[in-house]
Every structure is written in C-alpha cells, then in structure tokens.
C-alpha cells in the first residue's frame, strides 16, 4: 500500500492515467492526508491551516466528483470536520462564513451523488 502524500505542501494530485478503481483509492489517500494535516493544524492551534486543509480536501472531491461516491470516499468525514470547525469558530466568536460556504460545497457534492 502506498504511503500517504506529505501533508498540505507538496500533496500530489491524482494521476490522469490511473485506473478508475486506482483513482478512487488515490483520491481517498489524498483526502485522508488532508484530514490528517487538518488534525495536525488544529493540534497546533493553527485554525487558518485547519480550514485550508479542509478546503483542500473538498477540492480533491470537486476535481474528482465520481470519487465522492466510492466506498473509500472520505467526503462524509470531511463534512464532519467542517461542521465541527463551524461549532468551534462560533464558540470562539469567530466568523464562520468560510466554513459555511465550504460545508455547502461539500453538501453539493454529496447531493449530486444521491
């Protein structure tokens, strides 16, 4: 099994010539790497980095929408992180508009697959 790409900086995109099954697995690996990077950013109290990693995870699925419905998809997990971040921002009195828009983007992807 391939090791996940490095967090955030230098994360590779899914190769265009990969098989569809391989592509879905690659997308899941990249999305997982962004979720892990988001968790590390949150642990380091880097809220901007946390949100940036979540946005990158949504972007992976926006660029590969057919992968959002794969059994290996982490789109639902990404949404849980986004919604948790919104609650955190609201509790801290920070504006959560970017997170609301990010949640809408993720939800649009989920709706398009149902």
C-alpha atoms as a PDB file:
ATOM      1  CA  UNK A   1       0.000   0.000   0.000  1.00  0.00           C
ATOM      2  CA  UNK A   2       1.223   3.472  -0.850  1.00  0.00           C
ATOM      3  CA  UNK A   3       2.186   5.833   1.919  1.00  0.00           C
ATOM      4  CA  UNK A   4       0.005   8.957   2.045  1.00  0.00           C
ATOM      5  CA  UNK A   5       1.485  12.024   0.421  1.00  0.00           C
ATOM      6  CA  UNK A   6       3.087  14.656   2.640  1.00  0.00           C
ATOM      7  CA  UNK A   7       0.659  16.954   4.387  1.00  0.00           C
ATOM      8  CA  UNK A   8      -0.629  20.041   2.561  1.00  0.00           C
ATOM      9  CA  UNK A   9       2.524  21.345   0.857  1.00  0.00           C
ATOM     10  CA  UNK A  10       3.580  19.152  -1.996  1.00  0.00           C
ATOM     11  CA  UNK A  11       0.486  16.966  -1.939  1.00  0.00           C
ATOM     12  CA  UNK A  12       0.288  15.313  -5.299  1.00  0.00           C
ATOM     13  CA  UNK A  13      -2.790  15.238  -7.440  1.00  0.00           C
ATOM     14  CA  UNK A  14      -4.295  12.042  -8.740  1.00  0.00           C
ATOM     15  CA  UNK A  15      -2.599  10.925 -11.957  1.00  0.00           C
ATOM     16  CA  UNK A  16      -4.800  11.276 -15.023  1.00  0.00           C
ATOM     17  CA  UNK A  17      -3.798   7.865 -16.371  1.00  0.00           C
ATOM     18  CA  UNK A  18      -4.695   5.886 -13.246  1.00  0.00           C
ATOM     19  CA  UNK A  19      -7.437   3.267 -13.480  1.00  0.00           C
ATOM     20  CA  UNK A  20     -10.817   4.285 -12.110  1.00  0.00           C
ATOM     21  CA  UNK A  21     -10.502   1.943  -9.128  1.00  0.00           C
ATOM     22  CA  UNK A  22      -6.947   3.101  -8.542  1.00  0.00           C
ATOM     23  CA  UNK A  23      -8.030   6.700  -8.993  1.00  0.00           C
ATOM     24  CA  UNK A  24     -10.724   6.366  -6.312  1.00  0.00           C
ATOM     25  CA  UNK A  25      -8.175   4.871  -3.945  1.00  0.00           C
ATOM     26  CA  UNK A  26      -5.694   7.642  -4.775  1.00  0.00           C
ATOM     27  CA  UNK A  27      -8.330  10.306  -4.128  1.00  0.00           C
ATOM     28  CA  UNK A  28      -9.147   8.673  -0.783  1.00  0.00           C
ATOM     29  CA  UNK A  29      -5.447   8.666   0.145  1.00  0.00           C
ATOM     30  CA  UNK A  30      -5.085  12.344  -0.743  1.00  0.00           C
ATOM     31  CA  UNK A  31      -8.289  13.255   1.132  1.00  0.00           C
ATOM     32  CA  UNK A  32      -7.039  11.303   4.153  1.00  0.00           C
ATOM     33  CA  UNK A  33      -3.738  13.176   4.013  1.00  0.00           C
ATOM     34  CA  UNK A  34      -5.621  16.488   4.073  1.00  0.00           C
ATOM     35  CA  UNK A  35      -7.738  15.320   7.031  1.00  0.00           C
ATOM     36  CA  UNK A  36      -4.583  14.290   8.887  1.00  0.00           C
ATOM     37  CA  UNK A  37      -2.976  17.634   8.071  1.00  0.00           C
ATOM     38  CA  UNK A  38      -6.124  19.384   9.332  1.00  0.00           C
ATOM     39  CA  UNK A  39      -5.911  17.466  12.605  1.00  0.00           C
ATOM     40  CA  UNK A  40      -2.238  18.413  12.999  1.00  0.00           C
ATOM     41  CA  UNK A  41      -3.051  22.061  12.279  1.00  0.00           C
ATOM     42  CA  UNK A  42      -5.818  22.032  14.882  1.00  0.00           C
ATOM     43  CA  UNK A  43      -3.496  20.397  17.406  1.00  0.00           C
ATOM     44  CA  UNK A  44      -1.018  23.217  16.735  1.00  0.00           C
ATOM     45  CA  UNK A  45      -3.838  25.797  17.212  1.00  0.00           C
ATOM     46  CA  UNK A  46      -3.465  26.836  13.565  1.00  0.00           C
ATOM     47  CA  UNK A  47      -7.129  27.406  12.788  1.00  0.00           C
ATOM     48  CA  UNK A  48      -6.421  29.000   9.400  1.00  0.00           C
ATOM     49  CA  UNK A  49      -4.313  25.984   8.417  1.00  0.00           C
ATOM     50  CA  UNK A  50      -7.062  23.684   9.669  1.00  0.00           C
ATOM     51  CA  UNK A  51      -9.657  25.338   7.432  1.00  0.00           C
ATOM     52  CA  UNK A  52      -7.243  25.448   4.486  1.00  0.00           C
ATOM     53  CA  UNK A  53      -6.677  21.681   4.727  1.00  0.00           C
ATOM     54  CA  UNK A  54     -10.431  21.058   4.853  1.00  0.00           C
ATOM     55  CA  UNK A  55     -10.902  23.256   1.782  1.00  0.00           C
ATOM     56  CA  UNK A  56      -8.189  21.271   0.006  1.00  0.00           C
ATOM     57  CA  UNK A  57      -9.945  18.012   0.902  1.00  0.00           C
ATOM     58  CA  UNK A  58     -13.221  19.307  -0.567  1.00  0.00           C
ATOM     59  CA  UNK A  59     -11.296  20.469  -3.622  1.00  0.00           C
ATOM     60  CA  UNK A  60      -9.975  16.948  -4.198  1.00  0.00           C
ATOM     61  CA  UNK A  61     -13.547  15.688  -4.491  1.00  0.00           C
ATOM     62  CA  UNK A  62     -14.632  18.664  -6.597  1.00  0.00           C
ATOM     63  CA  UNK A  63     -11.898  17.785  -9.090  1.00  0.00           C
ATOM     64  CA  UNK A  64     -12.877  14.101  -8.925  1.00  0.00           C
ATOM     65  CA  UNK A  65     -16.657  14.115  -8.328  1.00  0.00           C
ATOM     66  CA  UNK A  66     -17.161  10.485  -9.346  1.00  0.00           C
ATOM     67  CA  UNK A  67     -14.842   9.503  -6.494  1.00  0.00           C
ATOM     68  CA  UNK A  68     -17.162  11.109  -3.929  1.00  0.00           C
ATOM     69  CA  UNK A  69     -19.500   8.121  -4.138  1.00  0.00           C
ATOM     70  CA  UNK A  70     -16.804   5.444  -3.861  1.00  0.00           C
ATOM     71  CA  UNK A  71     -16.828   3.166  -0.810  1.00  0.00           C
ATOM     72  CA  UNK A  72     -13.394   4.573   0.034  1.00  0.00           C
ATOM     73  CA  UNK A  73     -14.674   8.180  -0.063  1.00  0.00           C
ATOM     74  CA  UNK A  74     -13.990  10.341   2.970  1.00  0.00           C
ATOM     75  CA  UNK A  75     -16.335  13.133   1.920  1.00  0.00           C
ATOM     76  CA  UNK A  76     -18.663  12.466   4.848  1.00  0.00           C
ATOM     77  CA  UNK A  77     -15.698  12.602   7.236  1.00  0.00           C
ATOM     78  CA  UNK A  78     -14.634  15.900   5.692  1.00  0.00           C
ATOM     79  CA  UNK A  79     -18.109  17.283   6.341  1.00  0.00           C
ATOM     80  CA  UNK A  80     -17.984  16.173   9.973  1.00  0.00           C
ATOM     81  CA  UNK A  81     -14.688  18.068  10.383  1.00  0.00           C
ATOM     82  CA  UNK A  82     -16.155  21.147   8.664  1.00  0.00           C
ATOM     83  CA  UNK A  83     -19.260  21.150  10.846  1.00  0.00           C
ATOM     84  CA  UNK A  84     -17.181  20.647  13.979  1.00  0.00           C
ATOM     85  CA  UNK A  85     -14.962  23.541  12.919  1.00  0.00           C
ATOM     86  CA  UNK A  86     -18.042  25.725  12.457  1.00  0.00           C
ATOM     87  CA  UNK A  87     -19.125  24.954  16.018  1.00  0.00           C
ATOM     88  CA  UNK A  88     -15.618  25.711  17.277  1.00  0.00           C
ATOM     89  CA  UNK A  89     -15.481  29.018  15.409  1.00  0.00           C
ATOM     90  CA  UNK A  90     -18.905  30.005  16.712  1.00  0.00           C
ATOM     91  CA  UNK A  91     -17.887  29.090  20.282  1.00  0.00           C
ATOM     92  CA  UNK A  92     -14.785  31.245  19.910  1.00  0.00           C
ATOM     93  CA  UNK A  93     -16.824  34.125  18.487  1.00  0.00           C
ATOM     94  CA  UNK A  94     -15.052  33.920  15.135  1.00  0.00           C
ATOM     95  CA  UNK A  95     -16.867  34.403  11.839  1.00  0.00           C
ATOM     96  CA  UNK A  96     -17.691  31.036  10.271  1.00  0.00           C
ATOM     97  CA  UNK A  97     -18.779  32.251   6.816  1.00  0.00           C
ATOM     98  CA  UNK A  98     -15.928  30.471   5.020  1.00  0.00           C
ATOM     99  CA  UNK A  99     -16.788  27.237   6.802  1.00  0.00           C
ATOM    100  CA  UNK A 100     -20.455  27.644   5.939  1.00  0.00           C
ATOM    101  CA  UNK A 101     -19.568  28.026   2.249  1.00  0.00           C
ATOM    102  CA  UNK A 102     -17.189  25.075   2.488  1.00  0.00           C
ATOM    103  CA  UNK A 103     -19.948  22.956   4.022  1.00  0.00           C
ATOM    104  CA  UNK A 104     -22.275  23.992   1.187  1.00  0.00           C
ATOM    105  CA  UNK A 105     -19.667  22.918  -1.393  1.00  0.00           C
ATOM    106  CA  UNK A 106     -19.261  19.540   0.306  1.00  0.00           C
ATOM    107  CA  UNK A 107     -23.019  19.107   0.620  1.00  0.00           C
ATOM    108  CA  UNK A 108     -23.484  19.924  -3.071  1.00  0.00           C
ATOM    109  CA  UNK A 109     -21.057  17.118  -3.892  1.00  0.00           C
ATOM    110  CA  UNK A 110     -22.945  14.711  -1.635  1.00  0.00           C
ATOM    111  CA  UNK A 111     -26.301  15.759  -3.122  1.00  0.00           C
ATOM    112  CA  UNK A 112     -25.019  15.250  -6.646  1.00  0.00           C
ATOM    113  CA  UNK A 113     -24.290  11.607  -5.867  1.00  0.00           C
ATOM    114  CA  UNK A 114     -27.699  10.761  -4.396  1.00  0.00           C
END
